[in-house]
PDB file of N, CA and C in Angstrom:
ATOM      1  N   MET A   1      19.182 -37.259   4.582  1.00  0.00           N
ATOM      2  CA  MET A   1      17.944 -37.209   3.527  1.00  0.00           C
ATOM      3  C   MET A   1      18.831 -37.055   2.578  1.00  0.00           C
ATOM      4  N   GLY A   2      18.861 -38.104   1.308  1.00  0.00           N
ATOM      5  CA  GLY A   2      19.640 -37.859  -0.004  1.00  0.00           C
ATOM      6  C   GLY A   2      18.954 -38.741  -1.006  1.00  0.00           C
ATOM      7  N   GLY A   3      19.479 -38.151  -2.154  1.00  0.00           N
ATOM      8  CA  GLY A   3      18.892 -39.039  -3.357  1.00  0.00           C
ATOM      9  C   GLY A   3      17.284 -38.823  -3.569  1.00  0.00           C
ATOM     10  N   THR A   4      16.828 -40.041  -3.692  1.00  0.00           N
ATOM     11  CA  THR A   4      15.194 -40.065  -3.831  1.00  0.00           C
ATOM     12  C   THR A   4      14.339 -39.438  -2.687  1.00  0.00           C
ATOM     13  N   ARG A   5      14.821 -39.510  -1.544  1.00  0.00           N
ATOM     14  CA  ARG A   5      14.355 -38.953  -0.340  1.00  0.00           C
ATOM     15  C   ARG A   5      14.271 -37.303  -0.227  1.00  0.00           C
ATOM     16  N   ILE A   6      14.885 -36.781  -0.564  1.00  0.00           N
ATOM     17  CA  ILE A   6      15.165 -35.477  -0.894  1.00  0.00           C
ATOM     18  C   ILE A   6      14.413 -34.802  -1.987  1.00  0.00           C
ATOM     19  N   LYS A   7      14.488 -35.615  -3.326  1.00  0.00           N
ATOM     20  CA  LYS A   7      13.583 -35.378  -4.249  1.00  0.00           C
ATOM     21  C   LYS A   7      12.197 -35.345  -4.020  1.00  0.00           C
ATOM     22  N   LYS A   8      11.662 -36.357  -3.082  1.00  0.00           N
ATOM     23  CA  LYS A   8      10.449 -36.861  -2.672  1.00  0.00           C
ATOM     24  C   LYS A   8       9.951 -35.620  -1.933  1.00  0.00           C
ATOM     25  N   ALA A   9      10.791 -35.222  -0.744  1.00  0.00           N
ATOM     26  CA  ALA A   9      10.357 -33.999  -0.006  1.00  0.00           C
ATOM     27  C   ALA A   9      10.219 -33.069  -0.632  1.00  0.00           C
ATOM     28  N   CYS A  10      11.107 -32.449  -1.601  1.00  0.00           N
ATOM     29  CA  CYS A  10      10.911 -31.523  -2.484  1.00  0.00           C
ATOM     30  C   CYS A  10       9.626 -31.249  -3.338  1.00  0.00           C
ATOM     31  N   GLU A  11       9.274 -32.522  -3.833  1.00  0.00           N
ATOM     32  CA  GLU A  11       8.001 -32.711  -4.438  1.00  0.00           C
ATOM     33  C   GLU A  11       6.977 -32.685  -3.524  1.00  0.00           C
ATOM     34  N   ALA A  12       6.695 -33.178  -2.560  1.00  0.00           N
ATOM     35  CA  ALA A  12       5.624 -33.116  -1.376  1.00  0.00           C
ATOM     36  C   ALA A  12       5.691 -31.257  -1.093  1.00  0.00           C
ATOM     37  N   LEU A  13       6.661 -30.734  -0.794  1.00  0.00           N
ATOM     38  CA  LEU A  13       6.751 -29.192  -0.124  1.00  0.00           C
ATOM     39  C   LEU A  13       6.241 -28.438  -1.555  1.00  0.00           C
ATOM     40  N   THR A  14       6.701 -28.921  -2.775  1.00  0.00           N
ATOM     41  CA  THR A  14       6.069 -27.965  -4.010  1.00  0.00           C
ATOM     42  C   THR A  14       4.526 -28.120  -4.050  1.00  0.00           C
ATOM     43  N   LEU A  15       4.206 -29.247  -3.835  1.00  0.00           N
ATOM     44  CA  LEU A  15       2.724 -29.890  -3.847  1.00  0.00           C
ATOM     45  C   LEU A  15       1.866 -28.835  -2.717  1.00  0.00           C
ATOM     46  N   PHE A  16       2.415 -28.970  -1.535  1.00  0.00           N
ATOM     47  CA  PHE A  16       1.772 -28.224  -0.747  1.00  0.00           C
ATOM     48  C   PHE A  16       1.727 -26.598  -0.705  1.00  0.00           C
ATOM     49  N   LEU A  17       2.962 -26.164  -1.174  1.00  0.00           N
ATOM     50  CA  LEU A  17       2.698 -24.749  -1.547  1.00  0.00           C
ATOM     51  C   LEU A  17       1.718 -24.228  -2.463  1.00  0.00           C
ATOM     52  N   GLN A  18       1.670 -25.231  -3.572  1.00  0.00           N
ATOM     53  CA  GLN A  18       0.478 -24.985  -4.745  1.00  0.00           C
ATOM     54  C   GLN A  18      -0.760 -25.186  -3.887  1.00  0.00           C
ATOM     55  N   SER A  19      -0.974 -25.546  -2.961  1.00  0.00           N
ATOM     56  CA  SER A  19      -2.055 -25.896  -2.150  1.00  0.00           C
ATOM     57  C   SER A  19      -2.380 -24.831  -1.166  1.00  0.00           C
ATOM     58  N   LEU A  20      -1.840 -23.925  -0.963  1.00  0.00           N
ATOM     59  CA  LEU A  20      -2.258 -23.009   0.269  1.00  0.00           C
ATOM     60  C   LEU A  20      -3.297 -21.937  -0.688  1.00  0.00           C
ATOM     61  N   PRO A  21      -3.798 -21.424   0.351  1.00  0.00           N
ATOM     62  CA  PRO A  21      -5.003 -20.467   0.252  1.00  0.00           C
ATOM     63  C   PRO A  21      -4.245 -19.175  -0.719  1.00  0.00           C
ATOM     64  N   GLN A  22      -5.053 -18.653  -1.082  1.00  0.00           N
ATOM     65  CA  GLN A  22      -4.311 -17.126  -1.568  1.00  0.00           C
ATOM     66  C   GLN A  22      -4.171 -15.984  -0.326  1.00  0.00           C
ATOM     67  N   ASP A  23      -5.084 -16.191   0.251  1.00  0.00           N
ATOM     68  CA  ASP A  23      -4.723 -15.033   1.620  1.00  0.00           C
ATOM     69  C   ASP A  23      -3.905 -15.588   2.577  1.00  0.00           C
ATOM     70  N   THR A  24      -2.771 -15.749   2.519  1.00  0.00           N
ATOM     71  CA  THR A  24      -1.972 -16.423   3.565  1.00  0.00           C
ATOM     72  C   THR A  24      -0.405 -15.680   3.274  1.00  0.00           C
ATOM     73  N   TYR A  25       0.484 -16.009   4.191  1.00  0.00           N
ATOM     74  CA  TYR A  25       1.688 -15.656   4.362  1.00  0.00           C
ATOM     75  C   TYR A  25       2.562 -17.398   4.567  1.00  0.00           C
ATOM     76  N   PHE A  26       3.534 -17.277   3.781  1.00  0.00           N
ATOM     77  CA  PHE A  26       4.519 -18.488   4.241  1.00  0.00           C
ATOM     78  C   PHE A  26       6.013 -17.984   4.009  1.00  0.00           C
ATOM     79  N   ASN A  27       6.793 -19.230   4.641  1.00  0.00           N
ATOM     80  CA  ASN A  27       8.203 -19.239   4.108  1.00  0.00           C
ATOM     81  C   ASN A  27       8.429 -20.860   4.529  1.00  0.00           C
ATOM     82  N   VAL A  28       9.773 -20.721   3.938  1.00  0.00           N
ATOM     83  CA  VAL A  28      10.493 -22.329   4.067  1.00  0.00           C
ATOM     84  C   VAL A  28      11.589 -22.253   4.545  1.00  0.00           C
ATOM     85  N   ILE A  29      11.965 -23.280   5.677  1.00  0.00           N
ATOM     86  CA  ILE A  29      13.090 -23.062   6.434  1.00  0.00           C
ATOM     87  C   ILE A  29      13.793 -24.293   6.268  1.00  0.00           C
ATOM     88  N   SER A  30      15.069 -24.465   5.730  1.00  0.00           N
ATOM     89  CA  SER A  30      15.590 -25.561   5.459  1.00  0.00           C
ATOM     90  C   SER A  30      16.735 -26.010   6.580  1.00  0.00           C
ATOM     91  N   PHE A  31      16.843 -27.226   6.827  1.00  0.00           N
ATOM     92  CA  PHE A  31      17.580 -27.120   8.104  1.00  0.00           C
ATOM     93  C   PHE A  31      18.271 -28.635   8.070  1.00  0.00           C
ATOM     94  N   GLY A  32      19.813 -28.767   8.882  1.00  0.00           N
ATOM     95  CA  GLY A  32      20.228 -29.788   9.045  1.00  0.00           C
ATOM     96  C   GLY A  32      21.418 -29.421  10.379  1.00  0.00           C
ATOM     97  N   SER A  33      22.761 -29.373  10.188  1.00  0.00           N
ATOM     98  CA  SER A  33      23.269 -28.940  11.315  1.00  0.00           C
ATOM     99  C   SER A  33      23.077 -27.648  11.299  1.00  0.00           C
ATOM    100  N   GLY A  34      22.716 -26.746  10.457  1.00  0.00           N
ATOM    101  CA  GLY A  34      22.235 -25.456  10.671  1.00  0.00           C
ATOM    102  C   GLY A  34      20.857 -25.247  10.157  1.00  0.00           C
ATOM    103  N   TYR A  35      20.723 -23.910  10.013  1.00  0.00           N
ATOM    104  CA  TYR A  35      19.380 -23.767   9.307  1.00  0.00           C
ATOM    105  C   TYR A  35      19.161 -22.378   8.521  1.00  0.00           C
ATOM    106  N   ASN A  36      18.261 -22.353   7.506  1.00  0.00           N
ATOM    107  CA  ASN A  36      18.445 -21.249   6.607  1.00  0.00           C
ATOM    108  C   ASN A  36      16.844 -20.756   6.022  1.00  0.00           C
ATOM    109  N   LYS A  37      16.475 -19.541   6.209  1.00  0.00           N
ATOM    110  CA  LYS A  37      15.232 -19.356   5.466  1.00  0.00           C
ATOM    111  C   LYS A  37      15.217 -18.794   4.331  1.00  0.00           C
ATOM    112  N   MET A  38      14.259 -19.485   3.519  1.00  0.00           N
ATOM    113  CA  MET A  38      13.914 -18.838   2.136  1.00  0.00           C
ATOM    114  C   MET A  38      13.900 -17.472   1.879  1.00  0.00           C
ATOM    115  N   PHE A  39      13.090 -16.846   2.648  1.00  0.00           N
ATOM    116  CA  PHE A  39      12.696 -15.377   2.749  1.00  0.00           C
ATOM    117  C   PHE A  39      13.296 -14.855   3.904  1.00  0.00           C
ATOM    118  N   ASN A  40      13.560 -13.618   4.099  1.00  0.00           N
ATOM    119  CA  ASN A  40      13.866 -13.099   5.486  1.00  0.00           C
ATOM    120  C   ASN A  40      12.832 -13.277   6.518  1.00  0.00           C
ATOM    121  N   GLU A  41      11.708 -12.784   6.116  1.00  0.00           N
ATOM    122  CA  GLU A  41      10.206 -12.909   6.607  1.00  0.00           C
ATOM    123  C   GLU A  41       9.266 -13.658   5.970  1.00  0.00           C
ATOM    124  N   SER A  42       8.237 -14.005   6.584  1.00  0.00           N
ATOM    125  CA  SER A  42       7.352 -14.709   5.786  1.00  0.00           C
ATOM    126  C   SER A  42       6.894 -13.722   4.770  1.00  0.00           C
ATOM    127  N   ILE A  43       6.540 -14.222   3.518  1.00  0.00           N
ATOM    128  CA  ILE A  43       5.576 -13.323   2.524  1.00  0.00           C
ATOM    129  C   ILE A  43       4.607 -13.748   1.900  1.00  0.00           C
ATOM    130  N   LYS A  44       4.000 -12.733   1.477  1.00  0.00           N
ATOM    131  CA  LYS A  44       2.575 -12.992   0.820  1.00  0.00           C
ATOM    132  C   LYS A  44       2.254 -14.076  -0.219  1.00  0.00           C
ATOM    133  N   TYR A  45       1.560 -14.963   0.098  1.00  0.00           N
ATOM    134  CA  TYR A  45       1.390 -15.997  -0.710  1.00  0.00           C
ATOM    135  C   TYR A  45       0.410 -15.186  -2.525  1.00  0.00           C
ATOM    136  N   ASP A  46       1.140 -15.342  -3.415  1.00  0.00           N
ATOM    137  CA  ASP A  46       0.686 -15.178  -4.783  1.00  0.00           C
ATOM    138  C   ASP A  46       1.765 -15.618  -5.767  1.00  0.00           C
ATOM    139  N   ASN A  47       1.205 -15.854  -7.139  1.00  0.00           N
ATOM    140  CA  ASN A  47       2.023 -16.535  -7.956  1.00  0.00           C
ATOM    141  C   ASN A  47       3.418 -16.122  -8.270  1.00  0.00           C
ATOM    142  N   LYS A  48       3.762 -14.859  -8.146  1.00  0.00           N
ATOM    143  CA  LYS A  48       5.295 -14.688  -8.303  1.00  0.00           C
ATOM    144  C   LYS A  48       5.994 -15.171  -7.000  1.00  0.00           C
ATOM    145  N   ASN A  49       5.527 -14.954  -5.894  1.00  0.00           N
ATOM    146  CA  ASN A  49       6.256 -15.353  -4.695  1.00  0.00           C
ATOM    147  C   ASN A  49       6.426 -17.342  -4.751  1.00  0.00           C
ATOM    148  N   LEU A  50       5.260 -17.668  -5.153  1.00  0.00           N
ATOM    149  CA  LEU A  50       4.913 -18.874  -5.294  1.00  0.00           C
ATOM    150  C   LEU A  50       5.968 -19.707  -6.683  1.00  0.00           C
ATOM    151  N   LYS A  51       6.070 -19.081  -7.536  1.00  0.00           N
ATOM    152  CA  LYS A  51       7.073 -19.136  -8.595  1.00  0.00           C
ATOM    153  C   LYS A  51       8.627 -19.217  -7.979  1.00  0.00           C
ATOM    154  N   THR A  52       8.983 -17.877  -7.226  1.00  0.00           N
ATOM    155  CA  THR A  52      10.102 -17.777  -6.718  1.00  0.00           C
ATOM    156  C   THR A  52      10.569 -19.033  -5.688  1.00  0.00           C
ATOM    157  N   ALA A  53       9.715 -19.470  -4.753  1.00  0.00           N
ATOM    158  CA  ALA A  53       9.769 -20.550  -4.220  1.00  0.00           C
ATOM    159  C   ALA A  53      10.164 -21.965  -4.764  1.00  0.00           C
ATOM    160  N   ILE A  54       9.162 -22.122  -5.861  1.00  0.00           N
ATOM    161  CA  ILE A  54       9.456 -23.363  -6.390  1.00  0.00           C
ATOM    162  C   ILE A  54      10.608 -23.547  -7.054  1.00  0.00           C
ATOM    163  N   LYS A  55      11.237 -22.517  -7.625  1.00  0.00           N
ATOM    164  CA  LYS A  55      12.467 -22.476  -8.334  1.00  0.00           C
ATOM    165  C   LYS A  55      13.524 -22.753  -7.084  1.00  0.00           C
ATOM    166  N   LEU A  56      13.553 -22.259  -6.026  1.00  0.00           N
ATOM    167  CA  LEU A  56      14.565 -22.251  -4.981  1.00  0.00           C
ATOM    168  C   LEU A  56      14.539 -23.996  -4.536  1.00  0.00           C
ATOM    169  N   ILE A  57      13.211 -24.170  -4.242  1.00  0.00           N
ATOM    170  CA  ILE A  57      12.922 -25.570  -3.911  1.00  0.00           C
ATOM    171  C   ILE A  57      13.567 -26.659  -4.790  1.00  0.00           C
ATOM    172  N   ASP A  58      13.502 -26.584  -6.106  1.00  0.00           N
ATOM    173  CA  ASP A  58      14.022 -27.363  -7.161  1.00  0.00           C
ATOM    174  C   ASP A  58      15.700 -27.362  -7.079  1.00  0.00           C
ATOM    175  N   SER A  59      16.376 -26.152  -6.616  1.00  0.00           N
ATOM    176  CA  SER A  59      17.606 -26.156  -6.489  1.00  0.00           C
ATOM    177  C   SER A  59      18.150 -26.847  -5.074  1.00  0.00           C
ATOM    178  N   MET A  60      17.187 -27.354  -4.111  1.00  0.00           N
ATOM    179  CA  MET A  60      17.469 -28.082  -3.078  1.00  0.00           C
ATOM    180  C   MET A  60      18.343 -29.034  -2.804  1.00  0.00           C
ATOM    181  N   SER A  61      19.241 -29.398  -1.855  1.00  0.00           N
ATOM    182  CA  SER A  61      19.600 -30.702  -2.078  1.00  0.00           C
ATOM    183  C   SER A  61      19.814 -30.962  -0.413  1.00  0.00           C
ATOM    184  N   ALA A  62      20.276 -32.172  -0.384  1.00  0.00           N
ATOM    185  CA  ALA A  62      20.784 -32.843   1.250  1.00  0.00           C
ATOM    186  C   ALA A  62      21.932 -32.555   1.615  1.00  0.00           C
ATOM    187  N   ASN A  63      22.465 -31.563   1.981  1.00  0.00           N
ATOM    188  CA  ASN A  63      23.993 -31.002   1.937  1.00  0.00           C
ATOM    189  C   ASN A  63      24.188 -30.349   3.188  1.00  0.00           C
ATOM    190  N   MET A  64      23.036 -30.239   3.867  1.00  0.00           N
ATOM    191  CA  MET A  64      23.391 -29.453   5.594  1.00  0.00           C
ATOM    192  C   MET A  64      23.759 -30.200   6.784  1.00  0.00           C
ATOM    193  N   GLY A  65      23.762 -31.619   6.531  1.00  0.00           N
ATOM    194  CA  GLY A  65      24.332 -32.635   7.757  1.00  0.00           C
ATOM    195  C   GLY A  65      23.371 -32.747   8.513  1.00  0.00           C
ATOM    196  N   GLY A  66      23.529 -33.089   9.768  1.00  0.00           N
ATOM    197  CA  GLY A  66      22.256 -33.610  10.576  1.00  0.00           C
ATOM    198  C   GLY A  66      20.828 -33.351  10.582  1.00  0.00           C
ATOM    199  N   THR A  67      20.518 -34.064  11.476  1.00  0.00           N
ATOM    200  CA  THR A  67      18.779 -33.300  11.500  1.00  0.00           C
ATOM    201  C   THR A  67      18.526 -32.636  12.787  1.00  0.00           C
ATOM    202  N   GLU A  68      19.039 -31.495  12.933  1.00  0.00           N
ATOM    203  CA  GLU A  68      18.860 -30.597  13.912  1.00  0.00           C
ATOM    204  C   GLU A  68      17.702 -29.712  13.809  1.00  0.00           C
ATOM    205  N   ILE A  69      16.632 -30.147  14.535  1.00  0.00           N
ATOM    206  CA  ILE A  69      15.260 -28.933  14.107  1.00  0.00           C
ATOM    207  C   ILE A  69      15.171 -28.217  15.486  1.00  0.00           C
ATOM    208  N   PHE A  70      15.769 -28.344  16.851  1.00  0.00           N
ATOM    209  CA  PHE A  70      15.416 -27.572  17.834  1.00  0.00           C
ATOM    210  C   PHE A  70      15.971 -26.345  17.751  1.00  0.00           C
ATOM    211  N   GLU A  71      16.721 -25.748  16.705  1.00  0.00           N
ATOM    212  CA  GLU A  71      17.114 -24.284  16.809  1.00  0.00           C
ATOM    213  C   GLU A  71      16.114 -23.755  16.005  1.00  0.00           C
ATOM    214  N   PRO A  72      15.833 -24.270  14.720  1.00  0.00           N
ATOM    215  CA  PRO A  72      15.041 -23.677  13.612  1.00  0.00           C
ATOM    216  C   PRO A  72      13.699 -23.508  14.011  1.00  0.00           C
ATOM    217  N   LEU A  73      13.392 -24.746  15.029  1.00  0.00           N
ATOM    218  CA  LEU A  73      11.638 -24.815  15.293  1.00  0.00           C
ATOM    219  C   LEU A  73      11.651 -23.654  16.634  1.00  0.00           C
ATOM    220  N   GLN A  74      12.698 -23.529  17.407  1.00  0.00           N
ATOM    221  CA  GLN A  74      12.429 -22.493  18.552  1.00  0.00           C
ATOM    222  C   GLN A  74      12.736 -20.862  17.890  1.00  0.00           C
ATOM    223  N   SER A  75      12.942 -20.787  16.820  1.00  0.00           N
ATOM    224  CA  SER A  75      13.341 -19.693  16.301  1.00  0.00           C
ATOM    225  C   SER A  75      12.106 -19.376  15.573  1.00  0.00           C
ATOM    226  N   ILE A  76      11.327 -20.239  14.834  1.00  0.00           N
ATOM    227  CA  ILE A  76       9.922 -20.333  14.625  1.00  0.00           C
ATOM    228  C   ILE A  76       9.028 -19.615  15.456  1.00  0.00           C
ATOM    229  N   LEU A  77       9.466 -20.296  16.415  1.00  0.00           N
ATOM    230  CA  LEU A  77       7.983 -20.588  17.517  1.00  0.00           C
ATOM    231  C   LEU A  77       8.377 -19.083  18.220  1.00  0.00           C
ATOM    232  N   GLN A  78       9.397 -18.090  18.034  1.00  0.00           N
ATOM    233  CA  GLN A  78       9.680 -17.222  18.866  1.00  0.00           C
ATOM    234  C   GLN A  78       9.250 -15.879  18.050  1.00  0.00           C
ATOM    235  N   HIS A  79       9.396 -16.284  16.711  1.00  0.00           N
ATOM    236  CA  HIS A  79       8.900 -15.216  15.904  1.00  0.00           C
ATOM    237  C   HIS A  79       7.538 -14.652  15.944  1.00  0.00           C
ATOM    238  N   LYS A  80       7.126 -13.313  15.762  1.00  0.00           N
ATOM    239  CA  LYS A  80       5.816 -12.841  16.044  1.00  0.00           C
ATOM    240  C   LYS A  80       5.095 -13.108  15.048  1.00  0.00           C
ATOM    241  N   THR A  81       3.915 -13.646  15.294  1.00  0.00           N
ATOM    242  CA  THR A  81       3.048 -14.201  14.440  1.00  0.00           C
ATOM    243  C   THR A  81       2.488 -12.815  13.826  1.00  0.00           C
ATOM    244  N   ILE A  82       1.854 -12.820  12.303  1.00  0.00           N
ATOM    245  CA  ILE A  82       1.243 -11.977  11.642  1.00  0.00           C
ATOM    246  C   ILE A  82      -0.023 -11.706  11.812  1.00  0.00           C
ATOM    247  N   PRO A  83      -0.279 -10.489  12.657  1.00  0.00           N
ATOM    248  CA  PRO A  83      -1.617  -9.953  12.690  1.00  0.00           C
ATOM    249  C   PRO A  83      -2.852 -10.556  12.119  1.00  0.00           C
ATOM    250  N   GLY A  84      -3.877 -11.323  12.671  1.00  0.00           N
ATOM    251  CA  GLY A  84      -4.985 -11.988  11.588  1.00  0.00           C
ATOM    252  C   GLY A  84      -4.657 -13.255  11.252  1.00  0.00           C
ATOM    253  N   TYR A  85      -3.392 -13.689  11.289  1.00  0.00           N
ATOM    254  CA  TYR A  85      -2.875 -14.952  10.817  1.00  0.00           C
ATOM    255  C   TYR A  85      -2.434 -16.055  11.605  1.00  0.00           C
ATOM    256  N   PRO A  86      -3.055 -17.155  11.552  1.00  0.00           N
ATOM    257  CA  PRO A  86      -2.577 -17.888  12.560  1.00  0.00           C
ATOM    258  C   PRO A  86      -1.107 -18.544  12.153  1.00  0.00           C
ATOM    259  N   LYS A  87      -0.134 -18.677  13.229  1.00  0.00           N
ATOM    260  CA  LYS A  87       1.282 -19.614  12.963  1.00  0.00           C
ATOM    261  C   LYS A  87       0.977 -21.200  12.971  1.00  0.00           C
ATOM    262  N   GLN A  88       1.190 -21.658  11.374  1.00  0.00           N
ATOM    263  CA  GLN A  88       1.203 -23.055  11.457  1.00  0.00           C
ATOM    264  C   GLN A  88       2.349 -23.305  10.944  1.00  0.00           C
ATOM    265  N   ILE A  89       2.918 -24.898  11.358  1.00  0.00           N
ATOM    266  CA  ILE A  89       4.129 -25.089  11.073  1.00  0.00           C
ATOM    267  C   ILE A  89       3.990 -26.493  10.393  1.00  0.00           C
ATOM    268  N   PHE A  90       4.609 -26.715   9.241  1.00  0.00           N
ATOM    269  CA  PHE A  90       4.542 -27.935   8.627  1.00  0.00           C
ATOM    270  C   PHE A  90       6.091 -28.910   8.677  1.00  0.00           C
ATOM    271  N   LEU A  91       6.345 -29.721   9.366  1.00  0.00           N
ATOM    272  CA  LEU A  91       7.440 -30.036   9.147  1.00  0.00           C
ATOM    273  C   LEU A  91       7.667 -31.589   8.336  1.00  0.00           C
ATOM    274  N   LEU A  92       8.701 -31.280   7.527  1.00  0.00           N
ATOM    275  CA  LEU A  92       9.284 -32.476   6.672  1.00  0.00           C
ATOM    276  C   LEU A  92      10.491 -32.844   7.084  1.00  0.00           C
ATOM    277  N   THR A  93      10.580 -34.167   7.433  1.00  0.00           N
ATOM    278  CA  THR A  93      12.165 -34.669   7.817  1.00  0.00           C
ATOM    279  C   THR A  93      12.020 -36.306   7.749  1.00  0.00           C
ATOM    280  N   ASP A  94      13.147 -37.043   7.486  1.00  0.00           N
ATOM    281  CA  ASP A  94      13.341 -37.923   7.020  1.00  0.00           C
ATOM    282  C   ASP A  94      13.201 -39.082   8.678  1.00  0.00           C
ATOM    283  N   GLY A  95      12.971 -38.053   9.488  1.00  0.00           N
ATOM    284  CA  GLY A  95      12.830 -38.934  10.646  1.00  0.00           C
ATOM    285  C   GLY A  95      13.630 -39.025  11.641  1.00  0.00           C
ATOM    286  N   GLY A  96      15.044 -39.014  11.088  1.00  0.00           N
ATOM    287  CA  GLY A  96      16.715 -39.207  12.028  1.00  0.00           C
ATOM    288  C   GLY A  96      16.772 -37.574  12.917  1.00  0.00           C
ATOM    289  N   VAL A  97      15.812 -37.378  13.814  1.00  0.00           N
ATOM    290  CA  VAL A  97      15.951 -36.027  14.537  1.00  0.00           C
ATOM    291  C   VAL A  97      16.755 -36.347  15.725  1.00  0.00           C
ATOM    292  N   SER A  98      17.672 -35.239  15.828  1.00  0.00           N
ATOM    293  CA  SER A  98      18.751 -35.326  16.963  1.00  0.00           C
ATOM    294  C   SER A  98      17.935 -34.736  18.115  1.00  0.00           C
ATOM    295  N   ASN A  99      18.296 -34.718  19.303  1.00  0.00           N
ATOM    296  CA  ASN A  99      17.763 -34.010  20.496  1.00  0.00           C
ATOM    297  C   ASN A  99      16.259 -34.270  20.567  1.00  0.00           C
ATOM    298  N   THR A 100      15.759 -35.477  20.468  1.00  0.00           N
ATOM    299  CA  THR A 100      14.105 -35.702  20.330  1.00  0.00           C
ATOM    300  C   THR A 100      13.398 -35.174  21.571  1.00  0.00           C
ATOM    301  N   GLU A 101      14.120 -35.434  22.580  1.00  0.00           N
ATOM    302  CA  GLU A 101      13.473 -34.972  24.266  1.00  0.00           C
ATOM    303  C   GLU A 101      13.068 -33.589  24.160  1.00  0.00           C
ATOM    304  N   GLY A 102      14.257 -32.940  24.062  1.00  0.00           N
ATOM    305  CA  GLY A 102      14.453 -31.421  23.468  1.00  0.00           C
ATOM    306  C   GLY A 102      13.224 -30.761  22.647  1.00  0.00           C
ATOM    307  N   VAL A 103      13.327 -31.336  21.463  1.00  0.00           N
ATOM    308  CA  VAL A 103      12.222 -31.137  20.618  1.00  0.00           C
ATOM    309  C   VAL A 103      10.723 -31.293  21.296  1.00  0.00           C
ATOM    310  N   ILE A 104      10.538 -32.223  21.740  1.00  0.00           N
ATOM    311  CA  ILE A 104       9.438 -32.723  22.260  1.00  0.00           C
ATOM    312  C   ILE A 104       9.218 -31.546  23.292  1.00  0.00           C
ATOM    313  N   ALA A 105      10.095 -31.428  24.333  1.00  0.00           N
ATOM    314  CA  ALA A 105       9.686 -30.505  25.404  1.00  0.00           C
ATOM    315  C   ALA A 105       9.492 -28.945  24.940  1.00  0.00           C
ATOM    316  N   LEU A 106      10.033 -28.590  23.479  1.00  0.00           N
ATOM    317  CA  LEU A 106       9.791 -27.462  23.332  1.00  0.00           C
ATOM    318  C   LEU A 106       8.476 -27.462  22.167  1.00  0.00           C
ATOM    319  N   VAL A 107       8.245 -28.039  21.927  1.00  0.00           N
ATOM    320  CA  VAL A 107       6.639 -28.289  21.286  1.00  0.00           C
ATOM    321  C   VAL A 107       5.616 -28.259  22.485  1.00  0.00           C
ATOM    322  N   GLY A 108       5.670 -29.062  23.473  1.00  0.00           N
ATOM    323  CA  GLY A 108       4.846 -29.097  24.437  1.00  0.00           C
ATOM    324  C   GLY A 108       4.836 -27.729  25.171  1.00  0.00           C
ATOM    325  N   ARG A 109       5.808 -26.925  24.990  1.00  0.00           N
ATOM    326  CA  ARG A 109       5.794 -25.717  25.766  1.00  0.00           C
ATOM    327  C   ARG A 109       4.804 -24.321  24.763  1.00  0.00           C
TER     328      ARG A 109
END
């Protein structure tokens, strides 16, 4: 995912984050051949944390290699849920996912 596609994905992510309800937690995990969490743990949504996230999103580029989502997805699913808050995962990808069968089986479990 490069050029216009990564730019559009970042715009969609920014719009999505701006649409979150105030009483929520969030994190952003970028992925490619590896993955990185924007914040060590999910953080409470507020204007300061939103501005920090948008600034980091503005500097994102498609420089992480392939589209390996199994490991980051597995990490997210294994992480404990914050009490009182449902875990919701929104995935933005260009669709060129490796290990499709493994990802589908993981999500199915």
